[in-house]
Amino acid sequence: MEGLDHLEHLDKHLVDELAQVARETVRDELREQTRKQWRRATLYAASGAVALYAGAALALAVGLALAIALPDWAAALITAAILGAVAYLLRGAARPTASRSAAHEAGFAAGQEERVTGDRSPATPPTALGKPIPPKPPLAPGEAGAAAGVPAAPTADGIDAEPPHHRA
């Protein structure tokens, strides 16, 4: 039995050693990925800063070119209007348009079953589990059947709620 206890100690030591190697490997891999992402983020930030200065230089050049033929205040006003229009167009390009949002909603509704209520009602939002919330009927089950000419279902006593309709 002492031999088995010795082997159990070796197994525990081996498991601890393997866990340590796995932790170090994962840590090194994460560190390398983080270093690559940090470098990429730094390059994007530098690119944005340089683009900002390039845009400022372009705006200055446009203003100076306009100042040749116009008074300085008019050239500055026209340059500001041009920059405002470009900013407005870029903002519009970044926001979803009505056609894009309608297409998104249509794709969302296509994955759900249509409700039968006479007209097409809006899609129901999904629950936390991703399944749509079932719609509530507009009338109670007995009232809906009576309105459609369908006899009511038997009650718990086994007796029909309405008397049978016989045709003579």
C-alpha atoms as a PDB file:
ATOM      1  CA  MET A   1       0.000   0.000   0.000  1.00  0.00           C
ATOM      2  CA  GLU A   2       2.901   2.361   0.627  1.00  0.00           C
ATOM      3  CA  GLY A   3       3.811   2.108  -3.073  1.00  0.00           C
ATOM      4  CA  LEU A   4       0.371   3.348  -4.076  1.00  0.00           C
ATOM      5  CA  ASP A   5       0.603   6.289  -1.689  1.00  0.00           C
ATOM      6  CA  HIS A   6       3.918   7.201  -3.266  1.00  0.00           C
ATOM      7  CA  LEU A   7       2.388   7.017  -6.768  1.00  0.00           C
ATOM      8  CA  GLU A   8      -0.538   9.180  -5.639  1.00  0.00           C
ATOM      9  CA  HIS A   9       1.936  11.818  -4.469  1.00  0.00           C
ATOM     10  CA  LEU A  10       3.687  11.665  -7.864  1.00  0.00           C
ATOM     11  CA  ASP A  11       0.324  12.009  -9.675  1.00  0.00           C
ATOM     12  CA  LYS A  12      -0.574  15.064  -7.611  1.00  0.00           C
ATOM     13  CA  HIS A  13       2.843  16.576  -8.284  1.00  0.00           C
ATOM     14  CA  LEU A  14       2.465  15.883 -12.023  1.00  0.00           C
ATOM     15  CA  VAL A  15      -1.013  17.473 -12.114  1.00  0.00           C
ATOM     16  CA  ASP A  16       0.275  20.552 -10.294  1.00  0.00           C
ATOM     17  CA  GLU A  17       3.189  20.834 -12.676  1.00  0.00           C
ATOM     18  CA  LEU A  18       0.942  20.472 -15.746  1.00  0.00           C
ATOM     19  CA  ALA A  19      -1.444  23.114 -14.381  1.00  0.00           C
ATOM     20  CA  GLN A  20       1.466  25.505 -13.831  1.00  0.00           C
ATOM     21  CA  VAL A  21       2.749  24.963 -17.395  1.00  0.00           C
ATOM     22  CA  ALA A  22      -0.753  25.507 -18.797  1.00  0.00           C
ATOM     23  CA  ARG A  23      -1.170  28.735 -16.804  1.00  0.00           C
ATOM     24  CA  GLU A  24       2.187  30.060 -18.016  1.00  0.00           C
ATOM     25  CA  THR A  25       1.401  29.157 -21.624  1.00  0.00           C
ATOM     26  CA  VAL A  26      -1.994  30.874 -21.516  1.00  0.00           C
ATOM     27  CA  ARG A  27      -0.498  33.929 -19.787  1.00  0.00           C
ATOM     28  CA  ASP A  28       2.254  34.207 -22.418  1.00  0.00           C
ATOM     29  CA  GLU A  29      -0.242  33.851 -25.263  1.00  0.00           C
ATOM     30  CA  LEU A  30      -2.543  36.516 -23.788  1.00  0.00           C
ATOM     31  CA  ARG A  31       0.401  38.836 -23.222  1.00  0.00           C
ATOM     32  CA  GLU A  32       1.483  38.436 -26.860  1.00  0.00           C
ATOM     33  CA  GLN A  33      -2.049  39.061 -28.180  1.00  0.00           C
ATOM     34  CA  THR A  34      -2.422  42.105 -25.933  1.00  0.00           C
ATOM     35  CA  ARG A  35       0.891  43.494 -27.171  1.00  0.00           C
ATOM     36  CA  LYS A  36      -0.244  43.106 -30.811  1.00  0.00           C
ATOM     37  CA  GLN A  37      -3.611  44.748 -30.111  1.00  0.00           C
ATOM     38  CA  TRP A  38      -1.957  47.584 -28.180  1.00  0.00           C
ATOM     39  CA  ARG A  39       0.368  48.243 -31.123  1.00  0.00           C
ATOM     40  CA  ARG A  40      -2.571  48.255 -33.542  1.00  0.00           C
ATOM     41  CA  ALA A  41      -4.569  50.622 -31.304  1.00  0.00           C
ATOM     42  CA  THR A  42      -1.584  52.969 -31.037  1.00  0.00           C
ATOM     43  CA  LEU A  43      -1.178  53.027 -34.812  1.00  0.00           C
ATOM     44  CA  TYR A  44      -4.896  53.784 -35.281  1.00  0.00           C
ATOM     45  CA  ALA A  45      -4.693  56.617 -32.739  1.00  0.00           C
ATOM     46  CA  ALA A  46      -1.630  58.083 -34.442  1.00  0.00           C
ATOM     47  CA  SER A  47      -3.362  57.789 -37.807  1.00  0.00           C
ATOM     48  CA  GLY A  48      -6.386  59.659 -36.459  1.00  0.00           C
ATOM     49  CA  ALA A  49      -4.238  62.443 -35.012  1.00  0.00           C
ATOM     50  CA  VAL A  50      -2.347  62.885 -38.284  1.00  0.00           C
ATOM     51  CA  ALA A  51      -5.641  62.880 -40.226  1.00  0.00           C
ATOM     52  CA  LEU A  52      -6.969  65.591 -37.898  1.00  0.00           C
ATOM     53  CA  TYR A  53      -3.937  67.786 -38.607  1.00  0.00           C
ATOM     54  CA  ALA A  54      -4.249  67.068 -42.349  1.00  0.00           C
ATOM     55  CA  GLY A  55      -7.885  68.152 -42.240  1.00  0.00           C
ATOM     56  CA  ALA A  56      -6.957  71.340 -40.405  1.00  0.00           C
ATOM     57  CA  ALA A  57      -4.256  72.096 -42.995  1.00  0.00           C
ATOM     58  CA  LEU A  58      -6.739  71.472 -45.809  1.00  0.00           C
ATOM     59  CA  ALA A  59      -9.290  73.789 -44.167  1.00  0.00           C
ATOM     60  CA  LEU A  60      -6.602  76.465 -43.812  1.00  0.00           C
ATOM     61  CA  ALA A  61      -5.615  76.069 -47.471  1.00  0.00           C
ATOM     62  CA  VAL A  62      -9.257  76.386 -48.592  1.00  0.00           C
ATOM     63  CA  GLY A  63      -9.677  79.483 -46.421  1.00  0.00           C
ATOM     64  CA  LEU A  64      -6.503  81.099 -47.770  1.00  0.00           C
ATOM     65  CA  ALA A  65      -7.490  80.299 -51.358  1.00  0.00           C
ATOM     66  CA  LEU A  66     -10.890  81.896 -50.830  1.00  0.00           C
ATOM     67  CA  ALA A  67      -9.243  84.894 -49.135  1.00  0.00           C
ATOM     68  CA  ILE A  68      -7.532  85.765 -52.418  1.00  0.00           C
ATOM     69  CA  ALA A  69     -10.848  86.722 -54.020  1.00  0.00           C
ATOM     70  CA  LEU A  70     -12.967  87.480 -50.928  1.00  0.00           C
ATOM     71  CA  PRO A  71     -12.552  89.381 -47.667  1.00  0.00           C
ATOM     72  CA  ASP A  72     -10.973  87.334 -44.871  1.00  0.00           C
ATOM     73  CA  TRP A  73     -14.189  87.057 -42.852  1.00  0.00           C
ATOM     74  CA  ALA A  74     -16.136  85.743 -45.873  1.00  0.00           C
ATOM     75  CA  ALA A  75     -13.438  83.166 -46.652  1.00  0.00           C
ATOM     76  CA  ALA A  76     -13.513  81.958 -43.030  1.00  0.00           C
ATOM     77  CA  LEU A  77     -17.319  81.805 -43.088  1.00  0.00           C
ATOM     78  CA  ILE A  78     -17.408  79.811 -46.321  1.00  0.00           C
ATOM     79  CA  THR A  79     -14.720  77.419 -45.002  1.00  0.00           C
ATOM     80  CA  ALA A  80     -16.727  76.881 -41.801  1.00  0.00           C
ATOM     81  CA  ALA A  81     -19.887  76.224 -43.844  1.00  0.00           C
ATOM     82  CA  ILE A  82     -18.073  73.664 -46.005  1.00  0.00           C
ATOM     83  CA  LEU A  83     -16.686  71.891 -42.922  1.00  0.00           C
ATOM     84  CA  GLY A  84     -20.155  71.927 -41.317  1.00  0.00           C
ATOM     85  CA  ALA A  85     -21.706  70.381 -44.436  1.00  0.00           C
ATOM     86  CA  VAL A  86     -19.032  67.665 -44.549  1.00  0.00           C
ATOM     87  CA  ALA A  87     -19.587  66.909 -40.844  1.00  0.00           C
ATOM     88  CA  TYR A  88     -23.353  66.692 -41.429  1.00  0.00           C
ATOM     89  CA  LEU A  89     -22.894  64.291 -44.364  1.00  0.00           C
ATOM     90  CA  LEU A  90     -20.485  62.110 -42.386  1.00  0.00           C
ATOM     91  CA  ARG A  91     -22.921  61.996 -39.455  1.00  0.00           C
ATOM     92  CA  GLY A  92     -25.697  60.992 -41.830  1.00  0.00           C
ATOM     93  CA  ALA A  93     -23.535  58.244 -43.292  1.00  0.00           C
ATOM     94  CA  ALA A  94     -22.819  56.899 -39.809  1.00  0.00           C
ATOM     95  CA  ARG A  95     -26.472  56.792 -38.690  1.00  0.00           C
ATOM     96  CA  PRO A  96     -28.764  54.030 -39.937  1.00  0.00           C
ATOM     97  CA  THR A  97     -31.221  55.219 -42.540  1.00  0.00           C
ATOM     98  CA  ALA A  98     -34.922  54.393 -42.565  1.00  0.00           C
ATOM     99  CA  SER A  99     -34.433  51.838 -45.343  1.00  0.00           C
ATOM    100  CA  ARG A 100     -31.619  50.096 -43.456  1.00  0.00           C
ATOM    101  CA  SER A 101     -33.539  50.025 -40.166  1.00  0.00           C
ATOM    102  CA  ALA A 102     -36.699  48.816 -41.960  1.00  0.00           C
ATOM    103  CA  ALA A 103     -34.696  46.036 -43.590  1.00  0.00           C
ATOM    104  CA  HIS A 104     -33.291  45.088 -40.175  1.00  0.00           C
ATOM    105  CA  GLU A 105     -36.780  44.975 -38.645  1.00  0.00           C
ATOM    106  CA  ALA A 106     -38.090  42.945 -41.591  1.00  0.00           C
ATOM    107  CA  GLY A 107     -35.292  40.433 -41.096  1.00  0.00           C
ATOM    108  CA  PHE A 108     -36.090  40.304 -37.386  1.00  0.00           C
ATOM    109  CA  ALA A 109     -39.808  39.771 -38.020  1.00  0.00           C
ATOM    110  CA  ALA A 110     -39.168  37.128 -40.701  1.00  0.00           C
ATOM    111  CA  GLY A 111     -37.703  34.813 -38.083  1.00  0.00           C
ATOM    112  CA  GLN A 112     -40.897  34.907 -36.037  1.00  0.00           C
ATOM    113  CA  GLU A 113     -44.308  33.417 -36.701  1.00  0.00           C
ATOM    114  CA  GLU A 114     -46.991  35.771 -37.919  1.00  0.00           C
ATOM    115  CA  ARG A 115     -49.857  36.391 -35.568  1.00  0.00           C
ATOM    116  CA  VAL A 116     -53.332  35.820 -36.906  1.00  0.00           C
ATOM    117  CA  THR A 117     -55.256  38.923 -35.827  1.00  0.00           C
ATOM    118  CA  GLY A 118     -56.671  40.149 -39.111  1.00  0.00           C
ATOM    119  CA  ASP A 119     -53.898  42.623 -39.860  1.00  0.00           C
ATOM    120  CA  ARG A 120     -50.145  42.439 -39.632  1.00  0.00           C
ATOM    121  CA  SER A 121     -49.136  43.563 -36.179  1.00  0.00           C
ATOM    122  CA  PRO A 122     -45.556  44.449 -35.189  1.00  0.00           C
ATOM    123  CA  ALA A 123     -43.180  41.680 -34.209  1.00  0.00           C
ATOM    124  CA  THR A 124     -42.915  40.868 -30.534  1.00  0.00           C
ATOM    125  CA  PRO A 125     -39.550  41.393 -28.860  1.00  0.00           C
ATOM    126  CA  PRO A 126     -37.629  38.292 -27.844  1.00  0.00           C
ATOM    127  CA  THR A 127     -37.285  37.270 -24.226  1.00  0.00           C
ATOM    128  CA  ALA A 128     -33.934  36.803 -22.507  1.00  0.00           C
ATOM    129  CA  LEU A 129     -33.832  33.282 -23.913  1.00  0.00           C
ATOM    130  CA  GLY A 130     -34.270  34.580 -27.468  1.00  0.00           C
ATOM    131  CA  LYS A 131     -37.798  33.240 -27.922  1.00  0.00           C
ATOM    132  CA  PRO A 132     -40.602  35.659 -28.793  1.00  0.00           C
ATOM    133  CA  ILE A 133     -43.231  36.463 -26.213  1.00  0.00           C
ATOM    134  CA  PRO A 134     -46.540  34.926 -27.336  1.00  0.00           C
ATOM    135  CA  PRO A 135     -49.309  37.441 -28.018  1.00  0.00           C
ATOM    136  CA  LYS A 136     -52.283  37.733 -25.696  1.00  0.00           C
ATOM    137  CA  PRO A 137     -55.635  36.930 -27.277  1.00  0.00           C
ATOM    138  CA  PRO A 138     -57.955  39.931 -27.539  1.00  0.00           C
ATOM    139  CA  LEU A 139     -60.890  37.991 -26.015  1.00  0.00           C
ATOM    140  CA  ALA A 140     -61.218  35.269 -23.437  1.00  0.00           C
ATOM    141  CA  PRO A 141     -61.176  31.757 -24.988  1.00  0.00           C
ATOM    142  CA  GLY A 142     -64.941  31.235 -24.482  1.00  0.00           C
ATOM    143  CA  GLU A 143     -65.786  34.692 -25.794  1.00  0.00           C
ATOM    144  CA  ALA A 144     -63.621  34.303 -28.877  1.00  0.00           C
ATOM    145  CA  GLY A 145     -65.297  31.024 -29.813  1.00  0.00           C
ATOM    146  CA  ALA A 146     -68.787  32.394 -29.244  1.00  0.00           C
ATOM    147  CA  ALA A 147     -68.029  35.414 -31.418  1.00  0.00           C
ATOM    148  CA  ALA A 148     -66.869  33.130 -34.220  1.00  0.00           C
ATOM    149  CA  GLY A 149     -69.877  30.784 -33.874  1.00  0.00           C
ATOM    150  CA  VAL A 150     -67.903  27.967 -32.261  1.00  0.00           C
ATOM    151  CA  PRO A 151     -69.476  26.307 -29.215  1.00  0.00           C
ATOM    152  CA  ALA A 152     -67.630  26.782 -25.934  1.00  0.00           C
ATOM    153  CA  ALA A 153     -65.459  24.031 -24.520  1.00  0.00           C
ATOM    154  CA  PRO A 154     -66.823  21.947 -21.630  1.00  0.00           C
ATOM    155  CA  THR A 155     -66.131  23.267 -18.139  1.00  0.00           C
ATOM    156  CA  ALA A 156     -64.335  21.383 -15.402  1.00  0.00           C
ATOM    157  CA  ASP A 157     -67.655  19.802 -14.326  1.00  0.00           C
ATOM    158  CA  GLY A 158     -67.964  18.169 -17.732  1.00  0.00           C
ATOM    159  CA  ILE A 159     -71.074  20.247 -18.501  1.00  0.00           C
ATOM    160  CA  ASP A 160     -71.144  22.507 -21.527  1.00  0.00           C
ATOM    161  CA  ALA A 161     -71.312  26.178 -20.683  1.00  0.00           C
ATOM    162  CA  GLU A 162     -73.852  26.771 -23.462  1.00  0.00           C
ATOM    163  CA  PRO A 163     -76.763  24.576 -24.434  1.00  0.00           C
ATOM    164  CA  PRO A 164     -76.380  22.832 -27.813  1.00  0.00           C
ATOM    165  CA  HIS A 165     -77.823  24.663 -30.806  1.00  0.00           C
ATOM    166  CA  HIS A 166     -80.147  22.375 -32.752  1.00  0.00           C
ATOM    167  CA  ARG A 167     -81.349  23.206 -36.168  1.00  0.00           C
ATOM    168  CA  ALA A 168     -84.890  22.405 -36.940  1.00  0.00           C
END
